[in-house]
């Protein structure tokens, strides 16, 4: 039977998740300023995203190998990582070289490993039933947090680029403190104090057919998701260059196109209660894959239709993320839920480095819209993988 959950718990977790993940794309929102101020090549757009993803991968591996979020209070882990990530985020401000920027963003990504998957762990500790709905809100908060630096850049107008890093660090720290002071560890938490990590645990998880199906479906989803988010400003800029009369604010529309996914995440969470997480995932992958296939043909369309396509892509690209996490959590051994989530996150983010760098490199050196069709490999492979998930097992 589902235990009574105070009404404030989920909203506080959602707010904290939004605040913490606002650190993620702070560098992307002002990458043009960094390139100009430090006299960097255009390919640095891919590097700054790669640094955060790389830090996150290393962080999730460390968290998984040490089983940190299972052995210690997840709420305390979240607080410490929110404060540490905020401090690392601020290191970009005095950076005087590309290397220093990369190091600062890498460290920020490392501590995000104690925010995003740990936030999901906290939610799962409070929700035995309706986890898909809860994680829908959580990933919706991640989406809005990811988009938020673009809004800060737009709203700041003539403010210096450093204000984006200062603003996101303040917000992330406040979110971690709010969660720590308001939400205790959940009633369904299984403590593993004294647990010793076994490498075999990961192999044991992947022997489960449902875990494999959910994990590989998530990997296909991740090939697409962060690549899309990273190239949204690039797509808008390319459209403006090809259509000289187009009057678009790249920062504002990047925020809207990425941020709209927060709404579809919440809707997907509700739909998962009736249709199931697998169904929501398959619909989202189908919709986003179709948008990806249509994109290279859309640069000659009127601005309204071009933006509508990107908005539709922003809607479909992310609601499967919380559902895949739900399926991974349900398919994991009870004592290894956080480990299962973090290792799948780690491998998924490793794929984002490959996809982002590949698309960035090909775009810069070919300037051919057809290269964006490569992103469609993600949703296609994800669909093939998730079809093997057996409901009720």
Protein backbone atom coordinates (compact mmCIF):
# COMPACT_ATOMS: atom_id res chain seq x y z
CA UNK A 1 0.00 0.00 0.00
CA UNK A 2 1.23 3.50 -0.91
CA UNK A 3 2.19 5.43 2.22
CA UNK A 4 0.83 8.93 2.70
CA UNK A 5 3.11 11.48 1.08
CA UNK A 6 3.06 15.13 2.25
CA UNK A 7 1.84 17.32 -0.62
CA UNK A 8 4.87 19.61 -0.48
CA UNK A 9 7.44 16.84 -1.07
CA UNK A 10 7.23 16.43 -4.84
CA UNK A 11 7.02 20.19 -5.59
CA UNK A 12 10.14 20.81 -3.47
CA UNK A 13 12.05 18.01 -5.21
CA UNK A 14 10.97 19.42 -8.58
CA UNK A 15 12.07 22.97 -7.66
CA UNK A 16 15.42 21.71 -6.38
CA UNK A 17 15.94 19.64 -9.55
CA UNK A 18 15.18 22.67 -11.73
CA UNK A 19 17.56 24.84 -9.70
CA UNK A 20 20.40 22.33 -9.69
CA UNK A 21 20.22 21.46 -13.37
CA UNK A 22 20.27 25.12 -14.39
CA UNK A 23 24.06 24.71 -14.14
CA UNK A 24 24.06 22.33 -17.11
CA UNK A 25 23.83 24.65 -20.14
CA UNK A 26 25.16 27.84 -18.54
CA UNK A 27 28.21 27.61 -20.80
CA UNK A 28 26.17 26.96 -23.94
CA UNK A 29 24.04 30.04 -23.36
CA UNK A 30 27.09 32.33 -23.55
CA UNK A 31 29.41 30.25 -25.71
CA UNK A 32 29.53 32.95 -28.40
CA UNK A 33 30.77 35.43 -25.77
CA UNK A 34 33.42 32.97 -24.58
CA UNK A 35 34.57 32.36 -28.17
CA UNK A 36 34.85 36.09 -28.77
CA UNK A 37 36.52 36.98 -25.47
CA UNK A 38 39.05 34.15 -25.53
CA UNK A 39 39.53 34.14 -29.33
CA UNK A 40 38.49 30.49 -29.68
CA UNK A 41 37.54 28.46 -32.81
CA UNK A 42 33.88 27.80 -33.61
CA UNK A 43 34.32 24.08 -32.82
CA UNK A 44 34.57 25.12 -29.14
CA UNK A 45 30.74 24.94 -29.11
CA UNK A 46 31.08 21.17 -29.12
CA UNK A 47 33.93 21.14 -26.62
CA UNK A 48 32.12 23.11 -23.93
CA UNK A 49 29.18 20.70 -24.06
CA UNK A 50 31.54 17.72 -24.16
CA UNK A 51 33.28 18.94 -21.01
CA UNK A 52 30.06 18.96 -18.97
CA UNK A 53 28.99 15.58 -20.34
CA UNK A 54 32.44 14.13 -19.66
CA UNK A 55 32.38 15.38 -16.09
CA UNK A 56 28.92 13.93 -15.62
CA UNK A 57 30.06 10.55 -16.95
CA UNK A 58 33.04 10.41 -14.59
CA UNK A 59 30.81 11.56 -11.74
CA UNK A 60 28.15 8.94 -12.37
CA UNK A 61 30.79 6.21 -12.58
CA UNK A 62 32.28 7.31 -9.26
CA UNK A 63 28.82 7.46 -7.69
CA UNK A 64 27.93 4.03 -9.11
CA UNK A 65 31.21 2.33 -8.13
CA UNK A 66 31.05 3.72 -4.58
CA UNK A 67 27.25 3.29 -4.37
CA UNK A 68 27.17 6.74 -2.77
CA UNK A 69 23.46 7.54 -3.09
CA UNK A 70 22.49 4.11 -1.71
CA UNK A 71 24.98 4.15 1.17
CA UNK A 72 24.44 7.76 2.30
CA UNK A 73 21.49 10.12 2.65
CA UNK A 74 20.49 11.12 -0.93
CA UNK A 75 19.21 14.48 0.32
CA UNK A 76 22.60 15.28 1.88
CA UNK A 77 24.39 14.12 -1.28
CA UNK A 78 22.16 16.41 -3.35
CA UNK A 79 22.94 19.41 -1.11
CA UNK A 80 26.71 18.91 -1.17
CA UNK A 81 26.74 18.44 -4.94
CA UNK A 82 24.52 21.49 -5.53
CA UNK A 83 26.91 23.67 -3.51
CA UNK A 84 30.03 22.15 -5.08
CA UNK A 85 28.60 22.35 -8.61
CA UNK A 86 27.72 26.01 -8.05
CA UNK A 87 31.27 26.76 -6.95
CA UNK A 88 32.70 24.96 -10.00
CA UNK A 89 30.29 26.87 -12.25
CA UNK A 90 31.68 30.18 -10.96
CA UNK A 91 35.23 29.16 -11.92
CA UNK A 92 34.43 30.03 -15.55
CA UNK A 93 34.23 33.74 -14.69
CA UNK A 94 37.96 34.29 -13.99
CA UNK A 95 39.05 31.71 -16.62
CA UNK A 96 41.57 33.16 -19.07
CA UNK A 97 41.98 30.21 -21.43
CA UNK A 98 39.98 27.49 -23.15
CA UNK A 99 41.60 24.88 -20.88
CA UNK A 100 40.43 26.64 -17.71
CA UNK A 101 36.89 26.91 -19.08
CA UNK A 102 36.90 23.22 -19.97
CA UNK A 103 38.14 22.25 -16.49
CA UNK A 104 35.47 24.38 -14.79
CA UNK A 105 32.70 22.89 -16.95
CA UNK A 106 34.06 19.37 -16.37
CA UNK A 107 33.90 19.86 -12.60
CA UNK A 108 30.38 21.26 -12.90
CA UNK A 109 29.35 18.14 -14.83
CA UNK A 110 30.96 15.91 -12.19
CA UNK A 111 28.82 17.37 -9.42
CA UNK A 112 25.69 17.26 -11.57
CA UNK A 113 25.99 13.48 -11.13
CA UNK A 114 24.90 14.09 -7.54
CA UNK A 115 21.95 16.22 -8.63
CA UNK A 116 20.10 14.73 -11.60
CA UNK A 117 20.16 10.94 -10.91
CA UNK A 118 20.14 11.50 -7.14
CA UNK A 119 17.04 13.68 -7.52
CA UNK A 120 15.38 10.74 -9.30
CA UNK A 121 16.54 8.45 -6.50
CA UNK A 122 14.93 10.75 -3.91
CA UNK A 123 11.68 10.75 -5.89
CA UNK A 124 11.71 6.93 -6.15
CA UNK A 125 12.27 6.73 -2.37
CA UNK A 126 9.00 8.62 -1.89
CA UNK A 127 6.89 6.98 -4.63
CA UNK A 128 6.26 3.26 -4.71
CA UNK A 129 3.37 3.82 -7.14
CA UNK A 130 3.03 6.52 -9.79
CA UNK A 131 6.80 6.77 -10.21
CA UNK A 132 6.45 7.52 -13.93
CA UNK A 133 4.32 10.55 -13.10
CA UNK A 134 6.77 11.76 -10.43
CA UNK A 135 9.78 11.34 -12.70
CA UNK A 136 7.83 13.13 -15.44
CA UNK A 137 7.85 16.21 -13.23
CA UNK A 138 11.49 15.64 -12.29
CA UNK A 139 12.75 15.45 -15.86
CA UNK A 140 10.45 18.35 -16.73
CA UNK A 141 12.37 20.32 -14.13
CA UNK A 142 15.64 19.19 -15.72
CA UNK A 143 14.40 20.41 -19.12
CA UNK A 144 13.40 23.81 -17.76
CA UNK A 145 16.67 24.03 -15.84
CA UNK A 146 18.61 23.19 -19.01
CA UNK A 147 16.76 25.90 -20.94
CA UNK A 148 16.93 28.50 -18.16
CA UNK A 149 20.44 29.90 -18.90
CA UNK A 150 19.20 30.84 -22.39
CA UNK A 151 16.38 32.81 -20.73
CA UNK A 152 18.85 34.50 -18.37
CA UNK A 153 20.95 35.48 -21.39
CA UNK A 154 17.87 36.92 -23.13
CA UNK A 155 16.42 38.64 -20.04
CA UNK A 156 19.79 40.07 -19.05
CA UNK A 157 19.96 42.02 -22.30
CA UNK A 158 23.12 44.10 -21.99
CA UNK A 159 24.28 42.43 -18.79
CA UNK A 160 27.78 40.89 -18.99
CA UNK A 161 27.96 37.17 -19.82
CA UNK A 162 29.33 36.47 -16.34
CA UNK A 163 25.86 37.17 -14.90
CA UNK A 164 24.57 33.89 -16.37
CA UNK A 165 27.10 31.89 -14.32
CA UNK A 166 26.49 33.96 -11.18
CA UNK A 167 22.71 33.63 -11.52
CA UNK A 168 22.67 29.88 -12.08
CA UNK A 169 25.07 29.28 -9.17
CA UNK A 170 22.88 31.24 -6.76
CA UNK A 171 19.76 29.40 -7.94
CA UNK A 172 21.38 25.95 -7.74
CA UNK A 173 22.71 26.56 -4.22
CA UNK A 174 19.31 27.79 -3.05
CA UNK A 175 17.64 24.69 -4.50
CA UNK A 176 19.99 22.32 -2.69
CA UNK A 177 19.48 24.12 0.63
CA UNK A 178 15.68 24.16 0.18
CA UNK A 179 15.58 20.41 -0.46
CA UNK A 180 17.86 19.60 2.49
CA UNK A 181 15.82 21.70 4.92
CA UNK A 182 12.40 20.57 3.68
CA UNK A 183 12.50 16.94 2.54
CA UNK A 184 13.81 14.00 4.60
CA UNK A 185 14.88 10.70 3.07
CA UNK A 186 11.86 8.84 1.67
CA UNK A 187 10.02 5.97 3.39
CA UNK A 188 10.92 3.49 0.61
CA UNK A 189 14.64 4.14 0.82
CA UNK A 190 16.75 1.02 1.28
CA UNK A 191 19.93 1.93 3.12
CA UNK A 192 23.10 0.12 2.10
CA UNK A 193 25.47 1.37 4.79
CA UNK A 194 28.50 -0.84 4.87
CA UNK A 195 27.83 -2.15 1.38
CA UNK A 196 30.92 -3.02 -0.61
CA UNK A 197 30.73 -2.39 -4.33
CA UNK A 198 30.86 -5.43 -6.57
CA UNK A 199 31.68 -5.01 -10.24
CA UNK A 200 29.49 -8.04 -10.88
CA UNK A 201 26.47 -6.00 -9.80
CA UNK A 202 26.47 -4.11 -13.11
CA UNK A 203 26.72 -7.31 -15.15
CA UNK A 204 23.96 -8.81 -13.02
CA UNK A 205 21.70 -5.88 -13.84
CA UNK A 206 22.29 -6.23 -17.57
CA UNK A 207 21.41 -9.95 -17.47
CA UNK A 208 17.81 -8.88 -16.87
CA UNK A 209 16.05 -8.65 -20.25
CA UNK A 210 13.80 -5.77 -19.19
CA UNK A 211 16.75 -3.84 -17.78
CA UNK A 212 18.65 -4.33 -21.06
CA UNK A 213 15.67 -3.27 -23.15
CA UNK A 214 15.06 -0.12 -21.06
CA UNK A 215 18.78 0.72 -20.97
CA UNK A 216 19.34 0.40 -24.72
CA UNK A 217 16.12 2.29 -25.42
CA UNK A 218 17.49 5.06 -23.20
CA UNK A 219 20.80 5.02 -25.06
CA UNK A 220 19.02 5.65 -28.36
CA UNK A 221 17.03 8.44 -26.75
CA UNK A 222 20.21 10.04 -25.40
CA UNK A 223 21.94 9.95 -28.80
CA UNK A 224 19.23 12.36 -29.92
CA UNK A 225 18.29 14.43 -26.86
CA UNK A 226 21.43 16.35 -25.90
CA UNK A 227 22.53 16.70 -29.50
CA UNK A 228 19.24 18.40 -30.28
CA UNK A 229 19.52 20.67 -27.24
CA UNK A 230 23.12 21.56 -28.11
CA UNK A 231 22.36 22.42 -31.75
CA UNK A 232 19.12 24.39 -31.26
CA UNK A 233 21.02 27.74 -31.32
CA UNK A 234 22.99 26.46 -34.33
CA UNK A 235 19.78 25.58 -36.19
CA UNK A 236 18.27 29.00 -35.47
CA UNK A 237 21.45 30.76 -36.56
CA UNK A 238 21.61 28.71 -39.78
CA UNK A 239 18.00 29.58 -40.58
CA UNK A 240 18.66 33.29 -40.03
CA UNK A 241 21.68 33.16 -42.35
CA UNK A 242 19.71 31.42 -45.10
CA UNK A 243 16.68 33.68 -44.67
CA UNK A 244 18.00 37.21 -44.28
CA UNK A 245 14.59 38.67 -43.48
CA UNK A 246 14.10 36.40 -40.45
CA UNK A 247 14.01 38.33 -37.19
CA UNK A 248 14.61 35.82 -34.40
CA UNK A 249 16.11 36.07 -30.93
CA UNK A 250 18.32 32.99 -30.71
CA UNK A 251 18.43 33.09 -26.88
CA UNK A 252 14.67 33.50 -26.44
CA UNK A 253 13.70 30.84 -28.98
CA UNK A 254 16.34 28.43 -27.66
CA UNK A 255 14.73 28.78 -24.22
CA UNK A 256 11.22 28.22 -25.61
CA UNK A 257 12.11 25.28 -27.88
CA UNK A 258 14.07 23.45 -25.17
CA UNK A 259 11.84 24.52 -22.28
CA UNK A 260 8.57 23.39 -23.90
CA UNK A 261 9.69 19.82 -23.26
CA UNK A 262 9.03 20.37 -19.54
CA UNK A 263 5.29 20.49 -20.30
CA UNK A 264 5.36 17.30 -22.38
CA UNK A 265 7.31 15.54 -19.61
CA UNK A 266 4.54 16.29 -17.13
CA UNK A 267 1.86 15.21 -19.64
CA UNK A 268 3.84 12.05 -20.39
CA UNK A 269 3.96 11.31 -16.66
CA UNK A 270 0.16 11.43 -16.44
CA UNK A 271 -0.25 9.35 -19.61
CA UNK A 272 2.12 6.72 -18.19
CA UNK A 273 -0.39 6.04 -15.41
CA UNK A 274 -3.00 4.99 -17.99
CA UNK A 275 -0.98 3.81 -20.96
CA UNK A 276 2.27 2.71 -19.32
CA UNK A 277 5.83 3.99 -19.53
CA UNK A 278 6.65 1.81 -22.54
CA UNK A 279 3.78 3.31 -24.58
CA UNK A 280 4.81 6.90 -23.76
CA UNK A 281 8.41 6.12 -24.72
CA UNK A 282 7.46 4.65 -28.08
CA UNK A 283 5.18 7.59 -28.97
CA UNK A 284 7.87 10.11 -28.02
CA UNK A 285 10.59 8.32 -29.99
CA UNK A 286 8.32 8.08 -33.05
CA UNK A 287 7.40 11.79 -32.92
CA UNK A 288 10.92 13.07 -32.37
CA UNK A 289 12.34 10.75 -35.03
CA UNK A 290 9.84 12.10 -37.57
CA UNK A 291 10.75 15.71 -36.71
CA UNK A 292 14.43 14.87 -37.16
CA UNK A 293 13.78 13.40 -40.61
CA UNK A 294 11.84 16.51 -41.66
CA UNK A 295 14.38 19.04 -40.33
CA UNK A 296 16.87 19.17 -43.27
CA UNK A 297 13.92 19.90 -45.59
CA UNK A 298 12.62 22.79 -43.49
CA UNK A 299 15.22 25.56 -43.86
CA UNK A 300 13.41 27.01 -46.87
CA UNK A 301 10.03 27.11 -45.11
CA UNK A 302 8.42 30.29 -43.72
CA UNK A 303 9.67 31.14 -40.24
CA UNK A 304 6.39 30.12 -38.56
CA UNK A 305 6.56 26.59 -39.99
CA UNK A 306 10.28 26.25 -39.21
CA UNK A 307 9.70 27.26 -35.59
CA UNK A 308 6.65 25.00 -35.36
CA UNK A 309 8.77 22.01 -36.42
CA UNK A 310 11.43 22.81 -33.81
CA UNK A 311 8.73 23.26 -31.17
CA UNK A 312 7.22 19.89 -32.05
CA UNK A 313 10.67 18.33 -31.82
CA UNK A 314 11.17 19.99 -28.44
CA UNK A 315 7.85 18.49 -27.31
CA UNK A 316 8.57 14.92 -28.43
CA UNK A 317 12.32 14.70 -27.75
CA UNK A 318 12.20 14.40 -23.97
CA UNK A 319 9.01 12.91 -22.37
CA UNK A 320 10.43 9.40 -22.85
CA UNK A 321 13.40 10.24 -20.62
CA UNK A 322 11.57 9.89 -17.26
CA UNK A 323 9.76 6.84 -18.56
CA UNK A 324 13.01 5.11 -19.46
CA UNK A 325 14.31 5.97 -15.99
CA UNK A 326 11.13 4.52 -14.50
CA UNK A 327 11.58 1.30 -16.48
CA UNK A 328 15.27 1.10 -15.48
CA UNK A 329 14.38 1.65 -11.79
CA UNK A 330 11.63 -1.00 -11.90
CA UNK A 331 13.94 -3.48 -13.62
CA UNK A 332 16.79 -3.01 -11.13
CA UNK A 333 17.48 -5.07 -8.02
CA UNK A 334 15.97 -3.18 -5.07
CA UNK A 335 19.38 -2.71 -3.44
CA UNK A 336 20.87 -1.36 -6.68
CA UNK A 337 18.29 1.16 -7.90
CA UNK A 338 20.63 4.16 -7.65
CA UNK A 339 23.49 2.12 -9.13
CA UNK A 340 21.29 1.02 -12.02
CA UNK A 341 20.14 4.57 -12.71
CA UNK A 342 23.63 6.06 -12.49
CA UNK A 343 25.37 3.46 -14.65
CA UNK A 344 22.71 3.74 -17.36
CA UNK A 345 22.95 7.53 -17.15
CA UNK A 346 26.72 7.31 -17.43
CA UNK A 347 26.70 5.15 -20.55
CA UNK A 348 23.92 7.24 -22.08
CA UNK A 349 25.85 10.45 -21.58
CA UNK A 350 28.97 8.85 -23.06
CA UNK A 351 26.97 8.45 -26.27
CA UNK A 352 26.05 12.15 -26.20
CA UNK A 353 29.72 13.09 -26.47
CA UNK A 354 30.04 11.02 -29.64
CA UNK A 355 26.84 12.37 -31.20
CA UNK A 356 27.45 16.02 -30.29
CA UNK A 357 31.05 15.99 -31.51
CA UNK A 358 30.15 14.14 -34.70
CA UNK A 359 27.31 16.50 -35.63
CA UNK A 360 29.30 19.61 -34.64
CA UNK A 361 32.33 18.55 -36.68
CA UNK A 362 30.33 17.62 -39.78
CA UNK A 363 28.24 20.80 -39.63
CA UNK A 364 31.22 23.13 -39.28
CA UNK A 365 33.16 21.50 -42.10
CA UNK A 366 30.29 20.74 -44.54
CA UNK A 367 27.53 23.22 -43.63
CA UNK A 368 25.14 20.63 -45.10
CA UNK A 369 21.73 20.26 -43.42
CA UNK A 370 21.59 16.57 -44.38
CA UNK A 371 24.03 15.72 -41.58
CA UNK A 372 21.22 16.29 -39.06
CA UNK A 373 19.64 13.07 -40.34
CA UNK A 374 22.34 11.25 -38.35
CA UNK A 375 20.51 12.26 -35.18
CA UNK A 376 17.58 10.07 -36.27
CA UNK A 377 19.69 6.96 -35.59
CA UNK A 378 18.92 7.49 -31.89
CA UNK A 379 15.11 7.30 -31.90
CA UNK A 380 15.15 4.49 -34.50
CA UNK A 381 17.48 2.32 -32.37
CA UNK A 382 15.57 3.28 -29.22
CA UNK A 383 12.30 2.09 -30.73
CA UNK A 384 13.82 -1.25 -31.72
CA UNK A 385 15.21 -1.76 -28.20
CA UNK A 386 12.15 -0.81 -26.13
CA UNK A 387 9.87 -3.10 -28.13
CA UNK A 388 11.50 -6.00 -26.25
CA UNK A 389 10.40 -4.71 -22.84
CA UNK A 390 7.84 -7.09 -21.30
CA UNK A 391 5.16 -5.34 -19.23
CA UNK A 392 4.22 -7.10 -16.00
CA UNK A 393 7.60 -8.80 -15.53
